[in-house]
Amino acid sequence: FFGGDPVEVPYTLSDMAADAIGLVDALDCEVVDAVGVSMGGMIVQTMAIEHPGRLRSVVSIMSTTGGPGVGLPTETALEQLLMEPPDNREEYIESSVGAKVWSSQRYFDPQRAREKAAANFDR
């Protein structure tokens, strides 16, 4: 699942970064502040590496460098992320407490998680 052999891809992060720089050019901007979320974070990191003079700042949110061993989920988090949600309302609500594995440990509120899960299940 993670850490397998590299694969050939037809459209690379470098291609995506070049496309983003193309957009910057089309907008007649010389230097920009770039923000990317998830894969977009990897794209803005690539933009910063390959086109450093074009970015004033970079914000990479919920992203990774792509390096092996960086940003991998724990076994517990991966299990929680990949599990099928229960069909039963009570089990669904209780399973929401598992979100603690990727939430702020300090501020996670199990009761609030249960309330949100109940509302999601009921809608």
Foldseek 3Di string as FASTA:
>chain_A
DPDDDDDDDPADLLNVLVVVVVVCVVVVAQAEAEEAEAVGLCSVVSNCVPPVRRYPYYHYHPYWVPDPPIPDADPLVVCLVPDDQDPDLVSNLQSQLSCCSVDDVVPDDSVVSSVVSNVVNVD
